[in-house]
């Protein structure tokens, strides 16, 4: 009598696959978090774009906008 080990091995393989999926998920989560919280995933804005946003928000007036723009343009 050899015994029936096929059920044991199929459960073992299932757990191995689940652990592999779990580990891949954890690694993907870590990579996403690193990408999100570093400058690697962000495009830097030009000074002119920042200036235009500040003007649009009302943080600076037209005179200040023109002066700063003139300085930035050289």
PDB file of N, CA and C in Angstrom:
ATOM      1  N   UNK A   1       0.839  -1.162   0.000  1.00  0.00           N
ATOM      2  CA  UNK A   1       0.000   0.000   0.000  1.00  0.00           C
ATOM      3  C   UNK A   1       0.896   1.242   0.000  1.00  0.00           C
ATOM      4  N   UNK A   2       0.728   2.064  -1.002  1.00  0.00           N
ATOM      5  CA  UNK A   2       1.602   3.210  -1.193  1.00  0.00           C
ATOM      6  C   UNK A   2       1.077   4.457  -0.474  1.00  0.00           C
ATOM      7  N   UNK A   3      -0.202   4.552  -0.245  1.00  0.00           N
ATOM      8  CA  UNK A   3      -0.772   5.739   0.373  1.00  0.00           C
ATOM      9  C   UNK A   3      -1.165   6.761  -0.687  1.00  0.00           C
ATOM     10  N   UNK A   4      -2.053   7.644  -0.310  1.00  0.00           N
ATOM     11  CA  UNK A   4      -2.530   8.652  -1.248  1.00  0.00           C
ATOM     12  C   UNK A   4      -2.024  10.016  -0.789  1.00  0.00           C
ATOM     13  N   UNK A   5      -0.962  10.478  -1.404  1.00  0.00           N
ATOM     14  CA  UNK A   5      -0.374  11.762  -1.046  1.00  0.00           C
ATOM     15  C   UNK A   5      -0.795  12.880  -2.001  1.00  0.00           C
ATOM     16  N   UNK A   6      -1.609  12.589  -2.982  1.00  0.00           N
ATOM     17  CA  UNK A   6      -1.958  13.597  -3.987  1.00  0.00           C
ATOM     18  C   UNK A   6      -2.717  14.774  -3.376  1.00  0.00           C
ATOM     19  N   UNK A   7      -3.588  14.539  -2.415  1.00  0.00           N
ATOM     20  CA  UNK A   7      -4.327  15.622  -1.783  1.00  0.00           C
ATOM     21  C   UNK A   7      -3.380  16.510  -0.988  1.00  0.00           C
ATOM     22  N   UNK A   8      -2.454  15.912  -0.254  1.00  0.00           N
ATOM     23  CA  UNK A   8      -1.479  16.673   0.520  1.00  0.00           C
ATOM     24  C   UNK A   8      -0.648  17.557  -0.391  1.00  0.00           C
ATOM     25  N   UNK A   9      -0.165  17.015  -1.476  1.00  0.00           N
ATOM     26  CA  UNK A   9       0.679  17.786  -2.384  1.00  0.00           C
ATOM     27  C   UNK A   9      -0.108  18.885  -3.092  1.00  0.00           C
ATOM     28  N   UNK A  10      -1.357  18.654  -3.384  1.00  0.00           N
ATOM     29  CA  UNK A  10      -2.142  19.699  -4.047  1.00  0.00           C
ATOM     30  C   UNK A  10      -2.396  20.868  -3.091  1.00  0.00           C
ATOM     31  N   UNK A  11      -2.650  20.597  -1.799  1.00  0.00           N
ATOM     32  CA  UNK A  11      -2.795  21.681  -0.833  1.00  0.00           C
ATOM     33  C   UNK A  11      -1.477  22.416  -0.642  1.00  0.00           C
ATOM     34  N   UNK A  12      -0.387  21.671  -0.612  1.00  0.00           N
ATOM     35  CA  UNK A  12       0.921  22.283  -0.468  1.00  0.00           C
ATOM     36  C   UNK A  12       1.206  23.204  -1.650  1.00  0.00           C
ATOM     37  N   UNK A  13       0.895  22.763  -2.853  1.00  0.00           N
ATOM     38  CA  UNK A  13       1.109  23.601  -4.029  1.00  0.00           C
ATOM     39  C   UNK A  13       0.218  24.833  -4.000  1.00  0.00           C
ATOM     40  N   UNK A  14      -1.009  24.679  -3.521  1.00  0.00           N
ATOM     41  CA  UNK A  14      -1.916  25.817  -3.422  1.00  0.00           C
ATOM     42  C   UNK A  14      -1.353  26.868  -2.466  1.00  0.00           C
ATOM     43  N   UNK A  15      -0.867  26.440  -1.310  1.00  0.00           N
ATOM     44  CA  UNK A  15      -0.286  27.384  -0.355  1.00  0.00           C
ATOM     45  C   UNK A  15       0.958  28.047  -0.922  1.00  0.00           C
ATOM     46  N   UNK A  16       1.762  27.306  -1.648  1.00  0.00           N
ATOM     47  CA  UNK A  16       2.946  27.904  -2.272  1.00  0.00           C
ATOM     48  C   UNK A  16       2.551  28.987  -3.266  1.00  0.00           C
ATOM     49  N   UNK A  17       1.523  28.731  -4.042  1.00  0.00           N
ATOM     50  CA  UNK A  17       1.056  29.722  -5.014  1.00  0.00           C
ATOM     51  C   UNK A  17       0.491  30.944  -4.298  1.00  0.00           C
ATOM     52  N   UNK A  18      -0.277  30.724  -3.229  1.00  0.00           N
ATOM     53  CA  UNK A  18      -0.836  31.851  -2.478  1.00  0.00           C
ATOM     54  C   UNK A  18       0.262  32.699  -1.839  1.00  0.00           C
ATOM     55  N   UNK A  19       1.286  32.064  -1.288  1.00  0.00           N
ATOM     56  CA  UNK A  19       2.408  32.804  -0.718  1.00  0.00           C
ATOM     57  C   UNK A  19       3.135  33.601  -1.792  1.00  0.00           C
ATOM     58  N   UNK A  20       3.296  33.019  -2.956  1.00  0.00           N
ATOM     59  CA  UNK A  20       3.959  33.713  -4.056  1.00  0.00           C
ATOM     60  C   UNK A  20       3.152  34.941  -4.482  1.00  0.00           C
ATOM     61  N   UNK A  21       1.843  34.786  -4.596  1.00  0.00           N
ATOM     62  CA  UNK A  21       0.979  35.917  -4.950  1.00  0.00           C
ATOM     63  C   UNK A  21       1.055  36.991  -3.865  1.00  0.00           C
ATOM     64  N   UNK A  22       1.040  36.591  -2.612  1.00  0.00           N
ATOM     65  CA  UNK A  22       1.144  37.534  -1.499  1.00  0.00           C
ATOM     66  C   UNK A  22       2.463  38.298  -1.547  1.00  0.00           C
ATOM     67  N   UNK A  23       3.564  37.598  -1.755  1.00  0.00           N
ATOM     68  CA  UNK A  23       4.871  38.254  -1.802  1.00  0.00           C
ATOM     69  C   UNK A  23       4.979  39.208  -2.986  1.00  0.00           C
ATOM     70  N   UNK A  24       4.454  38.815  -4.122  1.00  0.00           N
ATOM     71  CA  UNK A  24       4.466  39.706  -5.283  1.00  0.00           C
ATOM     72  C   UNK A  24       3.636  40.954  -4.992  1.00  0.00           C
ATOM     73  N   UNK A  25       2.518  40.786  -4.316  1.00  0.00           N
ATOM     74  CA  UNK A  25       1.683  41.925  -3.941  1.00  0.00           C
ATOM     75  C   UNK A  25       2.390  42.872  -2.985  1.00  0.00           C
ATOM     76  N   UNK A  26       3.089  42.320  -2.002  1.00  0.00           N
ATOM     77  CA  UNK A  26       3.831  43.150  -1.046  1.00  0.00           C
ATOM     78  C   UNK A  26       4.937  43.917  -1.766  1.00  0.00           C
ATOM     79  N   UNK A  27       5.655  43.247  -2.636  1.00  0.00           N
ATOM     80  CA  UNK A  27       6.729  43.908  -3.384  1.00  0.00           C
ATOM     81  C   UNK A  27       6.152  45.009  -4.274  1.00  0.00           C
ATOM     82  N   UNK A  28       5.037  44.741  -4.936  1.00  0.00           N
ATOM     83  CA  UNK A  28       4.401  45.753  -5.786  1.00  0.00           C
ATOM     84  C   UNK A  28       3.946  46.952  -4.955  1.00  0.00           C
ATOM     85  N   UNK A  29       3.414  46.706  -3.770  1.00  0.00           N
ATOM     86  CA  UNK A  29       2.984  47.785  -2.890  1.00  0.00           C
ATOM     87  C   UNK A  29       4.168  48.647  -2.468  1.00  0.00           C
ATOM     88  N   UNK A  30       5.264  48.026  -2.107  1.00  0.00           N
ATOM     89  CA  UNK A  30       6.461  48.764  -1.705  1.00  0.00           C
ATOM     90  C   UNK A  30       6.973  49.619  -2.855  1.00  0.00           C
ATOM     91  N   UNK A  31       7.021  49.054  -4.044  1.00  0.00           N
ATOM     92  CA  UNK A  31       7.490  49.809  -5.210  1.00  0.00           C
ATOM     93  C   UNK A  31       6.570  50.995  -5.488  1.00  0.00           C
ATOM     94  N   UNK A  32       5.265  50.796  -5.388  1.00  0.00           N
ATOM     95  CA  UNK A  32       4.314  51.889  -5.613  1.00  0.00           C
ATOM     96  C   UNK A  32       4.485  52.997  -4.582  1.00  0.00           C
ATOM     97  N   UNK A  33       4.680  52.629  -3.330  1.00  0.00           N
ATOM     98  CA  UNK A  33       4.866  53.635  -2.285  1.00  0.00           C
ATOM     99  C   UNK A  33       6.155  54.418  -2.491  1.00  0.00           C
ATOM    100  N   UNK A  34       7.217  53.735  -2.850  1.00  0.00           N
ATOM    101  CA  UNK A  34       8.481  54.422  -3.121  1.00  0.00           C
ATOM    102  C   UNK A  34       8.310  55.370  -4.299  1.00  0.00           C
ATOM    103  N   UNK A  35       7.644  54.918  -5.333  1.00  0.00           N
ATOM    104  CA  UNK A  35       7.425  55.742  -6.521  1.00  0.00           C
ATOM    105  C   UNK A  35       6.579  56.968  -6.192  1.00  0.00           C
ATOM    106  N   UNK A  36       5.594  56.790  -5.327  1.00  0.00           N
ATOM    107  CA  UNK A  36       4.684  57.883  -4.985  1.00  0.00           C
ATOM    108  C   UNK A  36       5.353  58.948  -4.117  1.00  0.00           C
ATOM    109  N   UNK A  37       6.170  58.521  -3.162  1.00  0.00           N
ATOM    110  CA  UNK A  37       6.711  59.454  -2.182  1.00  0.00           C
ATOM    111  C   UNK A  37       8.111  59.957  -2.503  1.00  0.00           C
ATOM    112  N   UNK A  38       8.588  59.708  -3.694  1.00  0.00           N
ATOM    113  CA  UNK A  38       9.880  60.249  -4.107  1.00  0.00           C
ATOM    114  C   UNK A  38       9.678  61.141  -5.312  1.00  0.00           C
ATOM    115  N   UNK A  39      10.687  61.907  -5.636  1.00  0.00           N
ATOM    116  CA  UNK A  39      10.603  62.779  -6.799  1.00  0.00           C
ATOM    117  C   UNK A  39      10.701  62.002  -8.095  1.00  0.00           C
ATOM    118  N   UNK A  40      11.041  60.722  -8.006  1.00  0.00           N
ATOM    119  CA  UNK A  40      11.199  59.909  -9.210  1.00  0.00           C
ATOM    120  C   UNK A  40       9.931  59.905 -10.039  1.00  0.00           C
ATOM    121  N   UNK A  41       8.793  59.918  -9.406  1.00  0.00           N
ATOM    122  CA  UNK A  41       7.530  59.825 -10.118  1.00  0.00           C
ATOM    123  C   UNK A  41       6.891  61.166 -10.439  1.00  0.00           C
ATOM    124  N   UNK A  42       7.561  62.258 -10.111  1.00  0.00           N
ATOM    125  CA  UNK A  42       6.966  63.574 -10.303  1.00  0.00           C
ATOM    126  C   UNK A  42       7.767  64.376 -11.319  1.00  0.00           C
ATOM    127  N   UNK A  43       7.047  65.107 -12.117  1.00  0.00           N
ATOM    128  CA  UNK A  43       7.701  66.023 -13.031  1.00  0.00           C
ATOM    129  C   UNK A  43       7.857  67.356 -12.312  1.00  0.00           C
ATOM    130  N   UNK A  44       9.020  67.971 -12.454  1.00  0.00           N
ATOM    131  CA  UNK A  44       9.222  69.255 -11.809  1.00  0.00           C
ATOM    132  C   UNK A  44       8.599  70.354 -12.670  1.00  0.00           C
ATOM    133  N   UNK A  45       8.094  71.362 -12.010  1.00  0.00           N
ATOM    134  CA  UNK A  45       7.455  72.468 -12.708  1.00  0.00           C
ATOM    135  C   UNK A  45       8.480  73.553 -12.993  1.00  0.00           C
ATOM    136  N   UNK A  46       8.255  74.254 -14.061  1.00  0.00           N
ATOM    137  CA  UNK A  46       9.140  75.366 -14.389  1.00  0.00           C
ATOM    138  C   UNK A  46       8.783  76.559 -13.499  1.00  0.00           C
ATOM    139  N   UNK A  47       9.722  77.444 -13.282  1.00  0.00           N
ATOM    140  CA  UNK A  47       9.435  78.624 -12.458  1.00  0.00           C
ATOM    141  C   UNK A  47       8.294  79.477 -13.019  1.00  0.00           C
ATOM    142  N   UNK A  48       8.191  79.538 -14.341  1.00  0.00           N
ATOM    143  CA  UNK A  48       7.108  80.318 -14.953  1.00  0.00           C
ATOM    144  C   UNK A  48       5.745  79.702 -14.622  1.00  0.00           C
ATOM    145  N   UNK A  49       5.653  78.375 -14.669  1.00  0.00           N
ATOM    146  CA  UNK A  49       4.388  77.710 -14.331  1.00  0.00           C
ATOM    147  C   UNK A  49       4.004  77.963 -12.878  1.00  0.00           C
ATOM    148  N   UNK A  50       4.976  77.903 -11.995  1.00  0.00           N
ATOM    149  CA  UNK A  50       4.715  78.176 -10.576  1.00  0.00           C
ATOM    150  C   UNK A  50       4.244  79.614 -10.402  1.00  0.00           C
ATOM    151  N   UNK A  51       4.909  80.533 -11.108  1.00  0.00           N
ATOM    152  CA  UNK A  51       4.529  81.942 -11.040  1.00  0.00           C
ATOM    153  C   UNK A  51       3.102  82.154 -11.538  1.00  0.00           C
ATOM    154  N   UNK A  52       2.750  81.523 -12.637  1.00  0.00           N
ATOM    155  CA  UNK A  52       1.396  81.657 -13.177  1.00  0.00           C
ATOM    156  C   UNK A  52       0.354  81.097 -12.212  1.00  0.00           C
ATOM    157  N   UNK A  53       0.667  79.995 -11.558  1.00  0.00           N
ATOM    158  CA  UNK A  53      -0.267  79.428 -10.577  1.00  0.00           C
ATOM    159  C   UNK A  53      -0.455  80.365  -9.385  1.00  0.00           C
ATOM    160  N   UNK A  54       0.646  80.952  -8.929  1.00  0.00           N
ATOM    161  CA  UNK A  54       0.543  81.884  -7.801  1.00  0.00           C
ATOM    162  C   UNK A  54      -0.298  83.101  -8.175  1.00  0.00           C
ATOM    163  N   UNK A  55      -0.127  83.577  -9.394  1.00  0.00           N
ATOM    164  CA  UNK A  55      -0.922  84.716  -9.872  1.00  0.00           C
ATOM    165  C   UNK A  55      -2.398  84.335  -9.990  1.00  0.00           C
ATOM    166  N   UNK A  56      -2.653  83.153 -10.499  1.00  0.00           N
ATOM    167  CA  UNK A  56      -4.035  82.689 -10.653  1.00  0.00           C
ATOM    168  C   UNK A  56      -4.723  82.514  -9.299  1.00  0.00           C
ATOM    169  N   UNK A  57      -3.974  82.104  -8.291  1.00  0.00           N
ATOM    170  CA  UNK A  57      -4.549  81.926  -6.950  1.00  0.00           C
ATOM    171  C   UNK A  57      -4.743  83.254  -6.226  1.00  0.00           C
ATOM    172  N   UNK A  58      -4.132  84.320  -6.750  1.00  0.00           N
ATOM    173  CA  UNK A  58      -4.250  85.621  -6.109  1.00  0.00           C
ATOM    174  C   UNK A  58      -3.194  85.863  -5.046  1.00  0.00           C
ATOM    175  N   UNK A  59      -2.163  85.044  -5.024  1.00  0.00           N
ATOM    176  CA  UNK A  59      -1.099  85.215  -4.030  1.00  0.00           C
ATOM    177  C   UNK A  59      -0.232  86.433  -4.347  1.00  0.00           C
ATOM    178  N   UNK A  60      -0.148  86.787  -5.623  1.00  0.00           N
ATOM    179  CA  UNK A  60       0.617  87.963  -6.034  1.00  0.00           C
ATOM    180  C   UNK A  60      -0.256  88.789  -6.973  1.00  0.00           C
ATOM    181  N   UNK A  61       0.052  90.087  -7.047  1.00  0.00           N
ATOM    182  CA  UNK A  61      -0.724  90.947  -7.944  1.00  0.00           C
ATOM    183  C   UNK A  61      -0.034  91.050  -9.302  1.00  0.00           C
ATOM    184  N   UNK A  62      -0.656  91.801 -10.216  1.00  0.00           N
ATOM    185  CA  UNK A  62      -0.157  91.908 -11.595  1.00  0.00           C
ATOM    186  C   UNK A  62       1.239  92.528 -11.637  1.00  0.00           C
ATOM    187  N   UNK A  63       1.461  93.543 -10.812  1.00  0.00           N
ATOM    188  CA  UNK A  63       2.766  94.215 -10.798  1.00  0.00           C
ATOM    189  C   UNK A  63       3.859  93.243 -10.352  1.00  0.00           C
ATOM    190  N   UNK A  64       3.597  92.503  -9.278  1.00  0.00           N
ATOM    191  CA  UNK A  64       4.573  91.522  -8.802  1.00  0.00           C
ATOM    192  C   UNK A  64       4.802  90.436  -9.851  1.00  0.00           C
ATOM    193  N   UNK A  65       3.718  90.005 -10.482  1.00  0.00           N
ATOM    194  CA  UNK A  65       3.826  88.980 -11.522  1.00  0.00           C
ATOM    195  C   UNK A  65       4.747  89.446 -12.643  1.00  0.00           C
ATOM    196  N   UNK A  66       4.524  90.677 -13.119  1.00  0.00           N
ATOM    197  CA  UNK A  66       5.338  91.199 -14.219  1.00  0.00           C
ATOM    198  C   UNK A  66       6.801  91.358 -13.820  1.00  0.00           C
ATOM    199  N   UNK A  67       7.054  91.825 -12.584  1.00  0.00           N
ATOM    200  CA  UNK A  67       8.434  92.005 -12.121  1.00  0.00           C
ATOM    201  C   UNK A  67       9.171  90.666 -12.027  1.00  0.00           C
ATOM    202  N   UNK A  68       8.512  89.697 -11.426  1.00  0.00           N
ATOM    203  CA  UNK A  68       9.150  88.386 -11.256  1.00  0.00           C
ATOM    204  C   UNK A  68       9.346  87.713 -12.611  1.00  0.00           C
ATOM    205  N   UNK A  69       8.366  87.853 -13.486  1.00  0.00           N
ATOM    206  CA  UNK A  69       8.480  87.253 -14.821  1.00  0.00           C
ATOM    207  C   UNK A  69       9.646  87.875 -15.585  1.00  0.00           C
ATOM    208  N   UNK A  70       9.791  89.184 -15.459  1.00  0.00           N
ATOM    209  CA  UNK A  70      10.897  89.879 -16.130  1.00  0.00           C
ATOM    210  C   UNK A  70      12.246  89.374 -15.611  1.00  0.00           C
ATOM    211  N   UNK A  71      12.343  89.172 -14.297  1.00  0.00           N
ATOM    212  CA  UNK A  71      13.580  88.643 -13.708  1.00  0.00           C
ATOM    213  C   UNK A  71      13.864  87.221 -14.188  1.00  0.00           C
ATOM    214  N   UNK A  72      12.819  86.404 -14.249  1.00  0.00           N
ATOM    215  CA  UNK A  72      13.007  85.015 -14.669  1.00  0.00           C
ATOM    216  C   UNK A  72      13.393  84.900 -16.140  1.00  0.00           C
ATOM    217  N   UNK A  73      12.835  85.770 -16.964  1.00  0.00           N
ATOM    218  CA  UNK A  73      13.121  85.706 -18.394  1.00  0.00           C
ATOM    219  C   UNK A  73      14.514  86.244 -18.727  1.00  0.00           C
ATOM    220  N   UNK A  74      15.093  86.958 -17.785  1.00  0.00           N
ATOM    221  CA  UNK A  74      16.479  87.342 -17.978  1.00  0.00           C
ATOM    222  C   UNK A  74      16.685  88.749 -18.308  1.00  0.00           C
TER     223      UNK A  74
END
